[in-house]
């Protein structure tokens, strides 16, 4: 399995492959800023969802039939599940956005 730096390099190469050479520096900066901002917002929103839902303490008694195992930590388990589902939703949104915005033509087509 490739290391994280190799995956990051492949990801940035793919994102910047259609950028003209004279705009590569600006495009690279915008890509890095958007990547960092997206990661920070994703972590912050996931943590906020988890924190908000894990403080419900005992208000989720009907869910004890849904979860298997211990029932004294249902609020934390539900909070983790909802935060994870939020992340899955964001991955789906990102995939749709990439599919709609990345050109299908090669780098030399249309120039």
C-alpha atoms as a PDB file:
ATOM      1  CA  UNK A   1       0.000   0.000   0.000  1.00  0.00           C
ATOM      2  CA  UNK A   2       1.437   3.415  -0.936  1.00  0.00           C
ATOM      3  CA  UNK A   3       2.365   5.818   1.809  1.00  0.00           C
ATOM      4  CA  UNK A   4       0.310   8.918   2.558  1.00  0.00           C
ATOM      5  CA  UNK A   5       2.769  11.231   0.774  1.00  0.00           C
ATOM      6  CA  UNK A   6       2.495   9.173  -2.429  1.00  0.00           C
ATOM      7  CA  UNK A   7      -1.295   9.270  -2.313  1.00  0.00           C
ATOM      8  CA  UNK A   8      -1.218  13.019  -1.721  1.00  0.00           C
ATOM      9  CA  UNK A   9       1.137  13.496  -4.671  1.00  0.00           C
ATOM     10  CA  UNK A  10      -1.049  11.390  -6.961  1.00  0.00           C
ATOM     11  CA  UNK A  11      -4.141  13.298  -5.843  1.00  0.00           C
ATOM     12  CA  UNK A  12      -2.598  16.708  -6.509  1.00  0.00           C
ATOM     13  CA  UNK A  13      -1.189  15.553  -9.860  1.00  0.00           C
ATOM     14  CA  UNK A  14      -4.637  14.399 -10.940  1.00  0.00           C
ATOM     15  CA  UNK A  15      -6.294  17.615  -9.745  1.00  0.00           C
ATOM     16  CA  UNK A  16      -3.790  19.873 -11.522  1.00  0.00           C
ATOM     17  CA  UNK A  17      -3.236  17.876 -14.721  1.00  0.00           C
ATOM     18  CA  UNK A  18      -5.345  20.182 -16.934  1.00  0.00           C
ATOM     19  CA  UNK A  19      -3.945  23.476 -15.625  1.00  0.00           C
ATOM     20  CA  UNK A  20      -1.812  25.542 -18.038  1.00  0.00           C
ATOM     21  CA  UNK A  21       1.857  25.790 -17.009  1.00  0.00           C
ATOM     22  CA  UNK A  22       1.721  29.560 -16.409  1.00  0.00           C
ATOM     23  CA  UNK A  23      -1.090  29.131 -13.856  1.00  0.00           C
ATOM     24  CA  UNK A  24       0.241  26.022 -12.105  1.00  0.00           C
ATOM     25  CA  UNK A  25       1.535  27.907  -9.059  1.00  0.00           C
ATOM     26  CA  UNK A  26      -1.757  29.653  -8.359  1.00  0.00           C
ATOM     27  CA  UNK A  27      -3.745  26.483  -9.020  1.00  0.00           C
ATOM     28  CA  UNK A  28      -1.514  24.509  -6.658  1.00  0.00           C
ATOM     29  CA  UNK A  29      -2.026  27.093  -3.908  1.00  0.00           C
ATOM     30  CA  UNK A  30      -5.782  27.117  -4.381  1.00  0.00           C
ATOM     31  CA  UNK A  31      -5.855  23.307  -4.376  1.00  0.00           C
ATOM     32  CA  UNK A  32      -3.834  23.092  -1.143  1.00  0.00           C
ATOM     33  CA  UNK A  33      -5.953  25.790   0.536  1.00  0.00           C
ATOM     34  CA  UNK A  34      -9.209  24.103  -0.456  1.00  0.00           C
ATOM     35  CA  UNK A  35      -7.923  20.709   0.668  1.00  0.00           C
ATOM     36  CA  UNK A  36      -6.844  22.027   4.075  1.00  0.00           C
ATOM     37  CA  UNK A  37     -10.037  24.025   4.539  1.00  0.00           C
ATOM     38  CA  UNK A  38     -12.207  21.043   3.617  1.00  0.00           C
ATOM     39  CA  UNK A  39     -10.376  18.787   6.046  1.00  0.00           C
ATOM     40  CA  UNK A  40     -10.640  21.322   8.872  1.00  0.00           C
ATOM     41  CA  UNK A  41     -14.347  21.933   8.275  1.00  0.00           C
ATOM     42  CA  UNK A  42     -15.053  18.211   8.014  1.00  0.00           C
ATOM     43  CA  UNK A  43     -13.366  17.474  11.325  1.00  0.00           C
ATOM     44  CA  UNK A  44     -15.060  20.435  13.027  1.00  0.00           C
ATOM     45  CA  UNK A  45     -18.552  19.534  11.798  1.00  0.00           C
ATOM     46  CA  UNK A  46     -18.125  15.836  12.620  1.00  0.00           C
ATOM     47  CA  UNK A  47     -16.885  16.692  16.109  1.00  0.00           C
ATOM     48  CA  UNK A  48     -19.778  19.121  16.629  1.00  0.00           C
ATOM     49  CA  UNK A  49     -22.317  16.461  15.592  1.00  0.00           C
ATOM     50  CA  UNK A  50     -20.687  13.886  17.863  1.00  0.00           C
ATOM     51  CA  UNK A  51     -20.510  16.280  20.826  1.00  0.00           C
ATOM     52  CA  UNK A  52     -24.100  17.455  20.423  1.00  0.00           C
ATOM     53  CA  UNK A  53     -25.526  13.947  20.185  1.00  0.00           C
ATOM     54  CA  UNK A  54     -23.348  12.349  22.857  1.00  0.00           C
ATOM     55  CA  UNK A  55     -24.757  14.698  25.482  1.00  0.00           C
ATOM     56  CA  UNK A  56     -28.317  13.366  25.209  1.00  0.00           C
ATOM     57  CA  UNK A  57     -27.821  10.978  28.182  1.00  0.00           C
ATOM     58  CA  UNK A  58     -30.803   8.734  28.584  1.00  0.00           C
ATOM     59  CA  UNK A  59     -33.087  10.462  26.104  1.00  0.00           C
ATOM     60  CA  UNK A  60     -32.605   7.625  23.627  1.00  0.00           C
ATOM     61  CA  UNK A  61     -34.028   4.755  25.688  1.00  0.00           C
ATOM     62  CA  UNK A  62     -36.140   3.354  22.797  1.00  0.00           C
ATOM     63  CA  UNK A  63     -32.915   2.800  20.830  1.00  0.00           C
ATOM     64  CA  UNK A  64     -31.722   0.185  23.315  1.00  0.00           C
ATOM     65  CA  UNK A  65     -33.547  -2.434  21.222  1.00  0.00           C
ATOM     66  CA  UNK A  66     -31.685  -1.410  18.044  1.00  0.00           C
ATOM     67  CA  UNK A  67     -28.123  -1.593  19.376  1.00  0.00           C
ATOM     68  CA  UNK A  68     -26.582  -4.895  20.474  1.00  0.00           C
ATOM     69  CA  UNK A  69     -24.437  -5.270  23.564  1.00  0.00           C
ATOM     70  CA  UNK A  70     -24.136  -2.783  26.394  1.00  0.00           C
ATOM     71  CA  UNK A  71     -26.926  -0.270  26.671  1.00  0.00           C
ATOM     72  CA  UNK A  72     -25.305   2.264  28.995  1.00  0.00           C
ATOM     73  CA  UNK A  73     -23.438   4.003  26.153  1.00  0.00           C
ATOM     74  CA  UNK A  74     -26.165   4.223  23.514  1.00  0.00           C
ATOM     75  CA  UNK A  75     -25.896   8.005  23.236  1.00  0.00           C
ATOM     76  CA  UNK A  76     -22.186   7.801  22.390  1.00  0.00           C
ATOM     77  CA  UNK A  77     -22.709   4.953  19.928  1.00  0.00           C
ATOM     78  CA  UNK A  78     -25.504   6.852  18.181  1.00  0.00           C
ATOM     79  CA  UNK A  79     -23.396  10.018  18.086  1.00  0.00           C
ATOM     80  CA  UNK A  80     -20.519   8.118  16.475  1.00  0.00           C
ATOM     81  CA  UNK A  81     -22.826   6.494  13.930  1.00  0.00           C
ATOM     82  CA  UNK A  82     -24.456   9.795  12.926  1.00  0.00           C
ATOM     83  CA  UNK A  83     -21.065  11.550  12.657  1.00  0.00           C
ATOM     84  CA  UNK A  84     -19.803   8.691  10.473  1.00  0.00           C
ATOM     85  CA  UNK A  85     -22.906   8.878   8.270  1.00  0.00           C
ATOM     86  CA  UNK A  86     -22.285  12.614   7.873  1.00  0.00           C
ATOM     87  CA  UNK A  87     -18.773  11.821   6.618  1.00  0.00           C
ATOM     88  CA  UNK A  88     -20.139   9.252   4.162  1.00  0.00           C
ATOM     89  CA  UNK A  89     -22.607  11.856   2.897  1.00  0.00           C
ATOM     90  CA  UNK A  90     -19.774  14.351   2.381  1.00  0.00           C
ATOM     91  CA  UNK A  91     -17.789  11.758   0.407  1.00  0.00           C
ATOM     92  CA  UNK A  92     -20.810  11.180  -1.838  1.00  0.00           C
ATOM     93  CA  UNK A  93     -21.247  14.944  -2.346  1.00  0.00           C
ATOM     94  CA  UNK A  94     -17.544  15.272  -3.207  1.00  0.00           C
ATOM     95  CA  UNK A  95     -17.747  12.440  -5.729  1.00  0.00           C
ATOM     96  CA  UNK A  96     -20.753  14.013  -7.441  1.00  0.00           C
ATOM     97  CA  UNK A  97     -19.032  17.410  -7.498  1.00  0.00           C
ATOM     98  CA  UNK A  98     -15.887  15.897  -9.010  1.00  0.00           C
ATOM     99  CA  UNK A  99     -17.865  13.970 -11.613  1.00  0.00           C
ATOM    100  CA  UNK A 100     -19.716  17.130 -12.659  1.00  0.00           C
ATOM    101  CA  UNK A 101     -16.812  19.591 -12.673  1.00  0.00           C
ATOM    102  CA  UNK A 102     -13.696  17.697 -13.842  1.00  0.00           C
ATOM    103  CA  UNK A 103     -13.409  17.809 -17.624  1.00  0.00           C
ATOM    104  CA  UNK A 104     -13.376  14.473 -19.408  1.00  0.00           C
ATOM    105  CA  UNK A 105     -11.097  15.709 -22.206  1.00  0.00           C
ATOM    106  CA  UNK A 106      -7.352  15.298 -22.163  1.00  0.00           C
ATOM    107  CA  UNK A 107      -5.058  18.221 -21.316  1.00  0.00           C
ATOM    108  CA  UNK A 108      -4.365  19.099 -24.995  1.00  0.00           C
ATOM    109  CA  UNK A 109      -7.982  19.092 -26.205  1.00  0.00           C
ATOM    110  CA  UNK A 110      -9.530  22.508 -26.766  1.00  0.00           C
ATOM    111  CA  UNK A 111      -6.331  24.560 -26.376  1.00  0.00           C
END
